[in-house]
C-alpha cells in the first residue's frame, strides 16, 4: 500500500494568526464599545466570522493598521 506524502514547497505560506475582540481591545488600550465604533466608522474592518459566535481579526491586518497609524503620526514602527 503506498502513501501519499505532501511536502511544503516554496509557495507554501504560513497559516494566518487571528485575535479576538478582547485581545484587540487590550492591545490597543480601547473599550469594546470603541472597537465597535471603529468598525462602524470604517477604520477597522469587520472581523472574519469563523463560526457561530466566533469572530476574529487577522493579526497581519491589525499590524498593518498600526503601521499606517504610526506613519500618519510620523513615527517609525
N, C-alpha and C. Protein backbone atom coordinates (compact mmCIF):
# COMPACT_ATOMS: atom_id res chain seq x y z
N UNK A 1 0.85 -1.16 0.00
CA UNK A 1 0.00 0.00 0.00
C UNK A 1 0.90 1.24 0.00
N UNK A 2 0.66 2.16 -0.93
CA UNK A 2 1.50 3.35 -1.00
C UNK A 2 0.85 4.50 -0.23
N UNK A 3 1.69 5.38 0.26
CA UNK A 3 1.22 6.56 0.99
C UNK A 3 1.49 7.80 0.18
N UNK A 4 0.58 8.72 0.26
CA UNK A 4 0.75 10.00 -0.40
C UNK A 4 1.41 10.94 0.59
N UNK A 5 2.53 11.49 0.20
CA UNK A 5 3.24 12.43 1.06
C UNK A 5 3.21 13.79 0.41
N UNK A 6 2.75 14.76 1.16
CA UNK A 6 2.71 16.12 0.65
C UNK A 6 3.78 16.91 1.39
N UNK A 7 4.67 17.49 0.61
CA UNK A 7 5.72 18.29 1.22
C UNK A 7 5.47 19.76 0.93
N UNK A 8 5.88 20.58 1.86
CA UNK A 8 5.73 22.02 1.68
C UNK A 8 6.77 22.53 0.71
N UNK A 9 6.31 23.20 -0.31
CA UNK A 9 7.22 23.78 -1.29
C UNK A 9 7.41 25.26 -1.02
N UNK A 10 8.13 25.93 -1.88
CA UNK A 10 8.41 27.35 -1.68
C UNK A 10 7.16 28.23 -1.74
N UNK A 11 6.09 27.76 -2.37
CA UNK A 11 4.89 28.57 -2.49
C UNK A 11 3.99 28.46 -1.27
N UNK A 12 4.36 27.63 -0.29
CA UNK A 12 3.55 27.45 0.89
C UNK A 12 3.67 28.67 1.80
N UNK A 13 2.53 29.18 2.22
CA UNK A 13 2.55 30.31 3.13
C UNK A 13 2.18 29.85 4.53
N UNK A 14 2.72 30.50 5.53
CA UNK A 14 2.38 30.08 6.90
C UNK A 14 0.92 30.37 7.20
N UNK A 15 0.32 29.63 8.11
CA UNK A 15 -1.09 29.87 8.44
C UNK A 15 -1.26 31.24 9.09
N UNK A 16 -2.40 31.86 8.83
CA UNK A 16 -2.68 33.18 9.41
C UNK A 16 -3.02 33.03 10.88
N UNK A 17 -2.63 34.01 11.65
CA UNK A 17 -2.98 34.04 13.07
C UNK A 17 -4.08 35.07 13.26
N UNK A 18 -4.97 34.80 14.19
CA UNK A 18 -6.12 35.65 14.43
C UNK A 18 -6.18 36.04 15.90
N UNK A 19 -6.83 37.21 16.17
CA UNK A 19 -7.04 37.64 17.54
C UNK A 19 -8.51 37.96 17.77
N UNK A 20 -8.92 37.85 19.01
CA UNK A 20 -10.30 38.12 19.39
C UNK A 20 -10.51 39.62 19.61
N UNK A 21 -11.76 40.01 19.78
CA UNK A 21 -12.07 41.42 20.07
C UNK A 21 -11.42 41.84 21.38
N UNK A 22 -11.49 40.98 22.39
CA UNK A 22 -10.89 41.32 23.69
C UNK A 22 -9.38 41.50 23.56
N UNK A 23 -8.73 40.64 22.77
CA UNK A 23 -7.28 40.77 22.55
C UNK A 23 -6.96 42.06 21.81
N UNK A 24 -7.79 42.40 20.82
CA UNK A 24 -7.60 43.64 20.06
C UNK A 24 -7.75 44.84 20.99
N UNK A 25 -8.80 44.83 21.80
CA UNK A 25 -9.04 45.95 22.72
C UNK A 25 -7.89 46.10 23.72
N UNK A 26 -7.41 44.99 24.23
CA UNK A 26 -6.29 45.03 25.16
C UNK A 26 -5.03 45.55 24.47
N UNK A 27 -4.78 45.10 23.27
CA UNK A 27 -3.59 45.51 22.50
C UNK A 27 -3.60 47.01 22.23
N UNK A 28 -4.77 47.56 21.91
CA UNK A 28 -4.89 48.98 21.56
C UNK A 28 -5.27 49.85 22.75
N UNK A 29 -5.62 49.25 23.88
CA UNK A 29 -6.00 50.01 25.05
C UNK A 29 -7.32 50.74 24.87
N UNK A 30 -8.28 50.06 24.23
CA UNK A 30 -9.60 50.65 23.97
C UNK A 30 -10.69 49.77 24.57
N UNK A 31 -11.89 50.33 24.69
CA UNK A 31 -13.02 49.55 25.18
C UNK A 31 -13.67 48.77 24.04
N UNK A 32 -14.51 47.82 24.39
CA UNK A 32 -15.24 47.07 23.37
C UNK A 32 -16.14 48.01 22.57
N UNK A 33 -16.77 48.97 23.27
CA UNK A 33 -17.64 49.93 22.59
C UNK A 33 -16.85 50.73 21.54
N UNK A 34 -15.63 51.11 21.87
CA UNK A 34 -14.80 51.84 20.91
C UNK A 34 -14.45 50.96 19.72
N UNK A 35 -14.21 49.68 19.96
CA UNK A 35 -13.89 48.79 18.84
C UNK A 35 -15.07 48.69 17.88
N UNK A 36 -16.29 48.63 18.43
CA UNK A 36 -17.48 48.59 17.57
C UNK A 36 -17.62 49.91 16.80
N UNK A 37 -17.32 51.02 17.46
CA UNK A 37 -17.40 52.32 16.79
C UNK A 37 -16.36 52.41 15.66
N UNK A 38 -15.16 51.91 15.89
CA UNK A 38 -14.13 51.91 14.85
C UNK A 38 -14.58 51.08 13.65
N UNK A 39 -15.25 49.97 13.91
CA UNK A 39 -15.82 49.16 12.83
C UNK A 39 -16.86 49.94 12.05
N UNK A 40 -17.78 50.54 12.79
CA UNK A 40 -18.87 51.30 12.16
C UNK A 40 -18.35 52.45 11.31
N UNK A 41 -17.29 53.11 11.78
CA UNK A 41 -16.71 54.26 11.07
C UNK A 41 -15.79 53.84 9.92
N UNK A 42 -15.55 52.54 9.78
CA UNK A 42 -14.74 52.05 8.67
C UNK A 42 -13.24 52.04 8.93
N UNK A 43 -12.83 52.41 10.14
CA UNK A 43 -11.40 52.40 10.46
C UNK A 43 -10.90 50.96 10.62
N UNK A 44 -11.77 50.13 11.15
CA UNK A 44 -11.46 48.72 11.40
C UNK A 44 -12.49 47.90 10.63
N UNK A 45 -12.02 47.02 9.77
CA UNK A 45 -12.99 46.23 9.02
C UNK A 45 -13.64 45.18 9.91
N UNK A 46 -14.77 44.70 9.47
CA UNK A 46 -15.49 43.68 10.24
C UNK A 46 -14.62 42.44 10.36
N UNK A 47 -14.71 41.75 11.49
CA UNK A 47 -13.89 40.54 11.68
C UNK A 47 -14.38 39.39 10.82
N UNK A 48 -13.51 38.42 10.62
CA UNK A 48 -13.90 37.19 9.94
C UNK A 48 -14.82 36.41 10.87
N UNK A 49 -15.88 35.87 10.33
CA UNK A 49 -16.78 35.01 11.09
C UNK A 49 -16.29 33.58 10.89
N UNK A 50 -15.73 33.01 11.91
CA UNK A 50 -15.18 31.65 11.81
C UNK A 50 -16.18 30.59 12.24
N UNK A 51 -17.30 31.02 12.73
CA UNK A 51 -18.34 30.10 13.18
C UNK A 51 -19.38 30.88 13.97
N UNK A 52 -20.33 30.18 14.46
CA UNK A 52 -21.39 30.84 15.24
C UNK A 52 -20.80 31.43 16.53
N UNK A 53 -20.84 32.74 16.63
CA UNK A 53 -20.31 33.41 17.81
C UNK A 53 -18.80 33.48 17.88
N UNK A 54 -18.13 33.19 16.76
CA UNK A 54 -16.67 33.21 16.74
C UNK A 54 -16.21 34.17 15.65
N UNK A 55 -15.70 35.31 16.08
CA UNK A 55 -15.20 36.33 15.15
C UNK A 55 -13.77 36.67 15.51
N UNK A 56 -12.95 36.84 14.49
CA UNK A 56 -11.53 37.14 14.73
C UNK A 56 -11.00 38.07 13.64
N UNK A 57 -9.94 38.82 14.00
CA UNK A 57 -9.22 39.65 13.03
C UNK A 57 -7.86 39.01 12.76
N UNK A 58 -7.43 39.02 11.51
CA UNK A 58 -6.08 38.52 11.21
C UNK A 58 -5.04 39.47 11.83
N UNK A 59 -4.06 38.91 12.48
CA UNK A 59 -3.02 39.71 13.13
C UNK A 59 -2.29 40.57 12.11
N UNK A 60 -2.04 40.04 10.90
CA UNK A 60 -1.31 40.84 9.91
C UNK A 60 -2.08 42.09 9.51
N UNK A 61 -3.41 42.02 9.49
CA UNK A 61 -4.21 43.21 9.16
C UNK A 61 -4.19 44.22 10.30
N UNK A 62 -4.23 43.73 11.53
CA UNK A 62 -4.14 44.61 12.70
C UNK A 62 -2.79 45.33 12.71
N UNK A 63 -1.73 44.59 12.41
CA UNK A 63 -0.40 45.18 12.36
C UNK A 63 -0.29 46.22 11.24
N UNK A 64 -0.96 45.99 10.12
CA UNK A 64 -0.95 46.95 9.02
C UNK A 64 -1.64 48.25 9.45
N UNK A 65 -2.72 48.15 10.18
CA UNK A 65 -3.41 49.35 10.69
C UNK A 65 -2.49 50.10 11.64
N UNK A 66 -1.79 49.37 12.49
CA UNK A 66 -0.87 50.00 13.44
C UNK A 66 0.27 50.71 12.71
N UNK A 67 0.80 50.09 11.65
CA UNK A 67 1.87 50.73 10.88
C UNK A 67 1.38 52.01 10.21
N UNK A 68 0.18 51.97 9.61
CA UNK A 68 -0.37 53.16 8.95
C UNK A 68 -0.60 54.28 9.95
N UNK A 69 -1.10 53.93 11.14
CA UNK A 69 -1.34 54.93 12.17
C UNK A 69 -0.02 55.55 12.62
N UNK A 70 1.03 54.74 12.76
CA UNK A 70 2.33 55.25 13.15
C UNK A 70 2.89 56.18 12.07
N UNK A 71 2.73 55.80 10.80
CA UNK A 71 3.20 56.63 9.70
C UNK A 71 2.45 57.96 9.66
N UNK A 72 1.15 57.91 9.92
CA UNK A 72 0.35 59.14 9.93
C UNK A 72 0.82 60.10 11.03
N UNK A 73 1.33 59.54 12.12
CA UNK A 73 1.84 60.37 13.23
C UNK A 73 3.30 60.72 13.01
N UNK A 74 3.91 60.16 11.97
CA UNK A 74 5.33 60.43 11.72
C UNK A 74 6.26 59.64 12.60
N UNK A 75 5.76 58.52 13.11
CA UNK A 75 6.55 57.65 13.99
C UNK A 75 6.99 56.44 13.20
N UNK A 76 8.23 56.05 13.38
CA UNK A 76 8.71 54.83 12.72
C UNK A 76 8.43 53.64 13.63
N UNK A 77 7.79 52.61 13.10
CA UNK A 77 7.48 51.42 13.93
C UNK A 77 8.70 50.65 14.34
